[in-house]
Amino acid sequence: MSFLRLVPYILIFLSRFPVLFAWAFKSREDHWKQMEMEEARKAGLAPAEVDEDGKEINPHVPEYMSSAPW
């Protein structure tokens, strides 16, 4: 079955469960805020993101690369 045949069923499913649909799309303002925050983090003006353990998330730190599960 091609993907185009599934599109109406997917839309019906998402219309019945708006909570599942809400996380998939952001408003224009939310997207803009996220992009500004990413730029501020890259420039060092905003603090880095924090994981569940309270450690800063930075993919360029070698300890994250060495402790990767692969």
PDB file of N, CA and C in Angstrom:
ATOM      1  N   MET A   1       0.849  -1.172   0.000  1.00  0.00           N
ATOM      2  CA  MET A   1       0.000   0.000   0.000  1.00  0.00           C
ATOM      3  C   MET A   1       0.898   1.239   0.000  1.00  0.00           C
ATOM      4  N   SER A   2       0.591   2.158  -0.840  1.00  0.00           N
ATOM      5  CA  SER A   2       1.417   3.354  -0.923  1.00  0.00           C
ATOM      6  C   SER A   2       1.095   4.316   0.220  1.00  0.00           C
ATOM      7  N   PHE A   3       2.018   5.202   0.460  1.00  0.00           N
ATOM      8  CA  PHE A   3       1.864   6.163   1.538  1.00  0.00           C
ATOM      9  C   PHE A   3       0.672   7.089   1.289  1.00  0.00           C
ATOM     10  N   LEU A   4       0.423   7.440   0.043  1.00  0.00           N
ATOM     11  CA  LEU A   4      -0.673   8.362  -0.273  1.00  0.00           C
ATOM     12  C   LEU A   4      -2.028   7.782   0.109  1.00  0.00           C
ATOM     13  N   ARG A   5      -2.148   6.476   0.072  1.00  0.00           N
ATOM     14  CA  ARG A   5      -3.411   5.860   0.494  1.00  0.00           C
ATOM     15  C   ARG A   5      -3.589   5.913   2.011  1.00  0.00           C
ATOM     16  N   LEU A   6      -2.490   6.008   2.737  1.00  0.00           N
ATOM     17  CA  LEU A   6      -2.556   6.035   4.198  1.00  0.00           C
ATOM     18  C   LEU A   6      -2.802   7.428   4.765  1.00  0.00           C
ATOM     19  N   VAL A   7      -2.547   8.451   3.995  1.00  0.00           N
ATOM     20  CA  VAL A   7      -2.658   9.822   4.495  1.00  0.00           C
ATOM     21  C   VAL A   7      -4.029  10.123   5.093  1.00  0.00           C
ATOM     22  N   PRO A   8      -5.150   9.806   4.443  1.00  0.00           N
ATOM     23  CA  PRO A   8      -6.453  10.109   5.071  1.00  0.00           C
ATOM     24  C   PRO A   8      -6.643   9.408   6.405  1.00  0.00           C
ATOM     25  N   TYR A   9      -6.172   8.167   6.512  1.00  0.00           N
ATOM     26  CA  TYR A   9      -6.321   7.433   7.771  1.00  0.00           C
ATOM     27  C   TYR A   9      -5.458   8.048   8.867  1.00  0.00           C
ATOM     28  N   ILE A  10      -4.290   8.507   8.509  1.00  0.00           N
ATOM     29  CA  ILE A  10      -3.415   9.166   9.482  1.00  0.00           C
ATOM     30  C   ILE A  10      -4.045  10.461   9.972  1.00  0.00           C
ATOM     31  N   LEU A  11      -4.627  11.233   9.060  1.00  0.00           N
ATOM     32  CA  LEU A  11      -5.269  12.488   9.451  1.00  0.00           C
ATOM     33  C   LEU A  11      -6.488  12.244  10.338  1.00  0.00           C
ATOM     34  N   ILE A  12      -7.255  11.219  10.044  1.00  0.00           N
ATOM     35  CA  ILE A  12      -8.408  10.883  10.889  1.00  0.00           C
ATOM     36  C   ILE A  12      -7.930  10.494  12.280  1.00  0.00           C
ATOM     37  N   PHE A  13      -6.884   9.681  12.353  1.00  0.00           N
ATOM     38  CA  PHE A  13      -6.343   9.262  13.640  1.00  0.00           C
ATOM     39  C   PHE A  13      -5.874  10.462  14.454  1.00  0.00           C
ATOM     40  N   LEU A  14      -5.136  11.351  13.806  1.00  0.00           N
ATOM     41  CA  LEU A  14      -4.618  12.514  14.518  1.00  0.00           C
ATOM     42  C   LEU A  14      -5.727  13.481  14.924  1.00  0.00           C
ATOM     43  N   SER A  15      -6.798  13.553  14.153  1.00  0.00           N
ATOM     44  CA  SER A  15      -7.904  14.436  14.527  1.00  0.00           C
ATOM     45  C   SER A  15      -8.655  13.897  15.736  1.00  0.00           C
ATOM     46  N   ARG A  16      -8.644  12.587  15.923  1.00  0.00           N
ATOM     47  CA  ARG A  16      -9.324  11.990  17.080  1.00  0.00           C
ATOM     48  C   ARG A  16      -8.494  12.096  18.351  1.00  0.00           C
ATOM     49  N   PHE A  17      -7.196  12.233  18.204  1.00  0.00           N
ATOM     50  CA  PHE A  17      -6.301  12.321  19.350  1.00  0.00           C
ATOM     51  C   PHE A  17      -5.451  13.587  19.226  1.00  0.00           C
ATOM     52  N   PRO A  18      -6.029  14.759  19.523  1.00  0.00           N
ATOM     53  CA  PRO A  18      -5.291  16.014  19.329  1.00  0.00           C
ATOM     54  C   PRO A  18      -4.058  16.141  20.213  1.00  0.00           C
ATOM     55  N   VAL A  19      -4.004  15.429  21.331  1.00  0.00           N
ATOM     56  CA  VAL A  19      -2.831  15.506  22.201  1.00  0.00           C
ATOM     57  C   VAL A  19      -1.609  14.938  21.473  1.00  0.00           C
ATOM     58  N   LEU A  20      -1.808  13.858  20.735  1.00  0.00           N
ATOM     59  CA  LEU A  20      -0.700  13.280  19.980  1.00  0.00           C
ATOM     60  C   LEU A  20      -0.276  14.200  18.843  1.00  0.00           C
ATOM     61  N   PHE A  21      -1.210  14.947  18.321  1.00  0.00           N
ATOM     62  CA  PHE A  21      -0.937  15.832  17.193  1.00  0.00           C
ATOM     63  C   PHE A  21      -0.244  17.113  17.642  1.00  0.00           C
ATOM     64  N   ALA A  22      -0.498  17.536  18.861  1.00  0.00           N
ATOM     65  CA  ALA A  22       0.007  18.826  19.337  1.00  0.00           C
ATOM     66  C   ALA A  22       1.525  18.847  19.451  1.00  0.00           C
ATOM     67  N   TRP A  23       2.146  17.749  19.863  1.00  0.00           N
ATOM     68  CA  TRP A  23       3.595  17.764  20.026  1.00  0.00           C
ATOM     69  C   TRP A  23       4.324  17.747  18.691  1.00  0.00           C
ATOM     70  N   ALA A  24       3.657  17.340  17.630  1.00  0.00           N
ATOM     71  CA  ALA A  24       4.325  17.202  16.337  1.00  0.00           C
ATOM     72  C   ALA A  24       4.604  18.555  15.684  1.00  0.00           C
ATOM     73  N   PHE A  25       3.765  19.536  15.945  1.00  0.00           N
ATOM     74  CA  PHE A  25       3.913  20.829  15.303  1.00  0.00           C
ATOM     75  C   PHE A  25       3.997  21.926  16.352  1.00  0.00           C
ATOM     76  N   LYS A  26       4.883  22.867  16.101  1.00  0.00           N
ATOM     77  CA  LYS A  26       5.040  23.996  17.001  1.00  0.00           C
ATOM     78  C   LYS A  26       4.470  25.238  16.334  1.00  0.00           C
ATOM     79  N   SER A  27       4.101  26.185  17.151  1.00  0.00           N
ATOM     80  CA  SER A  27       3.655  27.457  16.594  1.00  0.00           C
ATOM     81  C   SER A  27       4.869  28.208  16.060  1.00  0.00           C
ATOM     82  N   ARG A  28       4.622  29.192  15.277  1.00  0.00           N
ATOM     83  CA  ARG A  28       5.696  29.980  14.688  1.00  0.00           C
ATOM     84  C   ARG A  28       6.523  30.656  15.774  1.00  0.00           C
ATOM     85  N   GLU A  29       5.845  31.140  16.816  1.00  0.00           N
ATOM     86  CA  GLU A  29       6.549  31.815  17.899  1.00  0.00           C
ATOM     87  C   GLU A  29       7.430  30.837  18.675  1.00  0.00           C
ATOM     88  N   ASP A  30       6.907  29.627  18.934  1.00  0.00           N
ATOM     89  CA  ASP A  30       7.700  28.629  19.650  1.00  0.00           C
ATOM     90  C   ASP A  30       8.936  28.238  18.858  1.00  0.00           C
ATOM     91  N   HIS A  31       8.774  28.079  17.555  1.00  0.00           N
ATOM     92  CA  HIS A  31       9.912  27.734  16.704  1.00  0.00           C
ATOM     93  C   HIS A  31      10.941  28.867  16.715  1.00  0.00           C
ATOM     94  N   TRP A  32      10.473  30.093  16.650  1.00  0.00           N
ATOM     95  CA  TRP A  32      11.372  31.250  16.652  1.00  0.00           C
ATOM     96  C   TRP A  32      12.145  31.335  17.974  1.00  0.00           C
ATOM     97  N   LYS A  33      11.437  31.100  19.091  1.00  0.00           N
ATOM     98  CA  LYS A  33      12.101  31.132  20.403  1.00  0.00           C
ATOM     99  C   LYS A  33      13.155  30.039  20.508  1.00  0.00           C
ATOM    100  N   GLN A  34      12.847  28.850  19.985  1.00  0.00           N
ATOM    101  CA  GLN A  34      13.800  27.754  20.033  1.00  0.00           C
ATOM    102  C   GLN A  34      15.044  28.078  19.210  1.00  0.00           C
ATOM    103  N   MET A  35      14.861  28.657  18.037  1.00  0.00           N
ATOM    104  CA  MET A  35      15.997  29.020  17.192  1.00  0.00           C
ATOM    105  C   MET A  35      16.855  30.095  17.864  1.00  0.00           C
ATOM    106  N   GLU A  36      16.211  31.084  18.500  1.00  0.00           N
ATOM    107  CA  GLU A  36      16.965  32.120  19.207  1.00  0.00           C
ATOM    108  C   GLU A  36      17.754  31.538  20.372  1.00  0.00           C
ATOM    109  N   MET A  37      17.140  30.584  21.098  1.00  0.00           N
ATOM    110  CA  MET A  37      17.823  29.953  22.227  1.00  0.00           C
ATOM    111  C   MET A  37      19.019  29.142  21.739  1.00  0.00           C
ATOM    112  N   GLU A  38      18.888  28.435  20.625  1.00  0.00           N
ATOM    113  CA  GLU A  38      20.006  27.672  20.083  1.00  0.00           C
ATOM    114  C   GLU A  38      21.148  28.601  19.676  1.00  0.00           C
ATOM    115  N   GLU A  39      20.824  29.719  19.055  1.00  0.00           N
ATOM    116  CA  GLU A  39      21.858  30.678  18.664  1.00  0.00           C
ATOM    117  C   GLU A  39      22.549  31.276  19.885  1.00  0.00           C
ATOM    118  N   ALA A  40      21.771  31.562  20.938  1.00  0.00           N
ATOM    119  CA  ALA A  40      22.358  32.111  22.161  1.00  0.00           C
ATOM    120  C   ALA A  40      23.273  31.084  22.825  1.00  0.00           C
ATOM    121  N   ARG A  41      22.887  29.810  22.797  1.00  0.00           N
ATOM    122  CA  ARG A  41      23.743  28.771  23.371  1.00  0.00           C
ATOM    123  C   ARG A  41      25.030  28.630  22.574  1.00  0.00           C
ATOM    124  N   LYS A  42      24.927  28.714  21.251  1.00  0.00           N
ATOM    125  CA  LYS A  42      26.129  28.612  20.418  1.00  0.00           C
ATOM    126  C   LYS A  42      27.072  29.776  20.675  1.00  0.00           C
ATOM    127  N   ALA A  43      26.500  30.950  20.931  1.00  0.00           N
ATOM    128  CA  ALA A  43      27.322  32.134  21.199  1.00  0.00           C
ATOM    129  C   ALA A  43      27.816  32.183  22.637  1.00  0.00           C
ATOM    130  N   GLY A  44      27.316  31.312  23.501  1.00  0.00           N
ATOM    131  CA  GLY A  44      27.736  31.290  24.894  1.00  0.00           C
ATOM    132  C   GLY A  44      26.986  32.276  25.764  1.00  0.00           C
ATOM    133  N   LEU A  45      25.882  32.820  25.265  1.00  0.00           N
ATOM    134  CA  LEU A  45      25.108  33.796  26.037  1.00  0.00           C
ATOM    135  C   LEU A  45      24.061  33.150  26.924  1.00  0.00           C
ATOM    136  N   ALA A  46      23.681  31.915  26.614  1.00  0.00           N
ATOM    137  CA  ALA A  46      22.674  31.189  27.396  1.00  0.00           C
ATOM    138  C   ALA A  46      23.314  29.921  27.952  1.00  0.00           C
ATOM    139  N   PRO A  47      22.820  29.424  29.082  1.00  0.00           N
ATOM    140  CA  PRO A  47      23.393  28.197  29.644  1.00  0.00           C
ATOM    141  C   PRO A  47      23.069  26.991  28.766  1.00  0.00           C
ATOM    142  N   ALA A  48      23.914  25.975  28.844  1.00  0.00           N
ATOM    143  CA  ALA A  48      23.704  24.755  28.069  1.00  0.00           C
ATOM    144  C   ALA A  48      22.497  23.990  28.595  1.00  0.00           C
ATOM    145  N   GLU A  49      21.948  23.116  27.759  1.00  0.00           N
ATOM    146  CA  GLU A  49      20.838  22.277  28.203  1.00  0.00           C
ATOM    147  C   GLU A  49      21.338  21.291  29.257  1.00  0.00           C
ATOM    148  N   VAL A  50      20.417  20.813  30.098  1.00  0.00           N
ATOM    149  CA  VAL A  50      20.768  19.912  31.188  1.00  0.00           C
ATOM    150  C   VAL A  50      19.989  18.619  31.028  1.00  0.00           C
ATOM    151  N   ASP A  51      20.660  17.467  31.241  1.00  0.00           N
ATOM    152  CA  ASP A  51      19.974  16.184  31.143  1.00  0.00           C
ATOM    153  C   ASP A  51      19.321  15.826  32.473  1.00  0.00           C
ATOM    154  N   GLU A  52      18.813  14.585  32.579  1.00  0.00           N
ATOM    155  CA  GLU A  52      18.101  14.157  33.792  1.00  0.00           C
ATOM    156  C   GLU A  52      19.000  14.132  35.020  1.00  0.00           C
ATOM    157  N   ASP A  53      20.285  13.885  34.813  1.00  0.00           N
ATOM    158  CA  ASP A  53      21.224  13.808  35.928  1.00  0.00           C
ATOM    159  C   ASP A  53      21.744  15.167  36.366  1.00  0.00           C
ATOM    160  N   GLY A  54      21.388  16.212  35.640  1.00  0.00           N
ATOM    161  CA  GLY A  54      21.849  17.549  35.976  1.00  0.00           C
ATOM    162  C   GLY A  54      23.141  17.945  35.295  1.00  0.00           C
ATOM    163  N   LYS A  55      23.622  17.090  34.383  1.00  0.00           N
ATOM    164  CA  LYS A  55      24.852  17.405  33.666  1.00  0.00           C
ATOM    165  C   LYS A  55      24.523  18.194  32.404  1.00  0.00           C
ATOM    166  N   GLU A  56      25.453  19.057  32.012  1.00  0.00           N
ATOM    167  CA  GLU A  56      25.252  19.842  30.804  1.00  0.00           C
ATOM    168  C   GLU A  56      25.334  18.949  29.574  1.00  0.00           C
ATOM    169  N   ILE A  57      24.462  19.207  28.617  1.00  0.00           N
ATOM    170  CA  ILE A  57      24.469  18.460  27.365  1.00  0.00           C
ATOM    171  C   ILE A  57      25.298  19.237  26.361  1.00  0.00           C
ATOM    172  N   ASN A  58      26.383  18.635  25.942  1.00  0.00           N
ATOM    173  CA  ASN A  58      27.249  19.244  24.942  1.00  0.00           C
ATOM    174  C   ASN A  58      27.876  18.118  24.135  1.00  0.00           C
ATOM    175  N   PRO A  59      27.485  17.937  22.886  1.00  0.00           N
ATOM    176  CA  PRO A  59      27.993  16.801  22.111  1.00  0.00           C
ATOM    177  C   PRO A  59      29.467  16.931  21.739  1.00  0.00           C
ATOM    178  N   HIS A  60      30.079  18.085  21.955  1.00  0.00           N
ATOM    179  CA  HIS A  60      31.466  18.280  21.582  1.00  0.00           C
ATOM    180  C   HIS A  60      32.436  17.955  22.708  1.00  0.00           C
ATOM    181  N   VAL A  61      31.924  17.593  23.876  1.00  0.00           N
ATOM    182  CA  VAL A  61      32.778  17.230  24.993  1.00  0.00           C
ATOM    183  C   VAL A  61      33.203  15.772  24.801  1.00  0.00           C
ATOM    184  N   PRO A  62      34.488  15.462  24.857  1.00  0.00           N
ATOM    185  CA  PRO A  62      34.949  14.090  24.578  1.00  0.00           C
ATOM    186  C   PRO A  62      34.358  13.028  25.483  1.00  0.00           C
ATOM    187  N   GLU A  63      33.996  13.350  26.732  1.00  0.00           N
ATOM    188  CA  GLU A  63      33.457  12.321  27.614  1.00  0.00           C
ATOM    189  C   GLU A  63      32.121  11.793  27.102  1.00  0.00           C
ATOM    190  N   TYR A  64      31.339  12.618  26.427  1.00  0.00           N
ATOM    191  CA  TYR A  64      30.086  12.152  25.860  1.00  0.00           C
ATOM    192  C   TYR A  64      30.362  11.225  24.670  1.00  0.00           C
ATOM    193  N   MET A  65      31.383  11.527  23.912  1.00  0.00           N
ATOM    194  CA  MET A  65      31.711  10.693  22.764  1.00  0.00           C
ATOM    195  C   MET A  65      32.280   9.355  23.207  1.00  0.00           C
ATOM    196  N   SER A  66      33.043   9.340  24.283  1.00  0.00           N
ATOM    197  CA  SER A  66      33.644   8.081  24.745  1.00  0.00           C
ATOM    198  C   SER A  66      32.627   7.213  25.486  1.00  0.00           C
ATOM    199  N   SER A  67      31.603   7.795  26.074  1.00  0.00           N
ATOM    200  CA  SER A  67      30.615   7.006  26.807  1.00  0.00           C
ATOM    201  C   SER A  67      29.383   6.691  25.961  1.00  0.00           C
ATOM    202  N   ALA A  68      29.466   6.890  24.666  1.00  0.00           N
ATOM    203  CA  ALA A  68      28.347   6.580  23.780  1.00  0.00           C
ATOM    204  C   ALA A  68      28.110   5.073  23.754  1.00  0.00           C
ATOM    205  N   PRO A  69      26.853   4.637  23.638  1.00  0.00           N
ATOM    206  CA  PRO A  69      26.567   3.205  23.707  1.00  0.00           C
ATOM    207  C   PRO A  69      27.038   2.407  22.501  1.00  0.00           C
ATOM    208  N   TRP A  70      27.441   3.022  21.452  1.00  0.00           N
ATOM    209  CA  TRP A  70      27.905   2.255  20.296  1.00  0.00           C
ATOM    210  C   TRP A  70      29.359   2.037  20.451  1.00  0.00           C
TER     211      TRP A  70
END
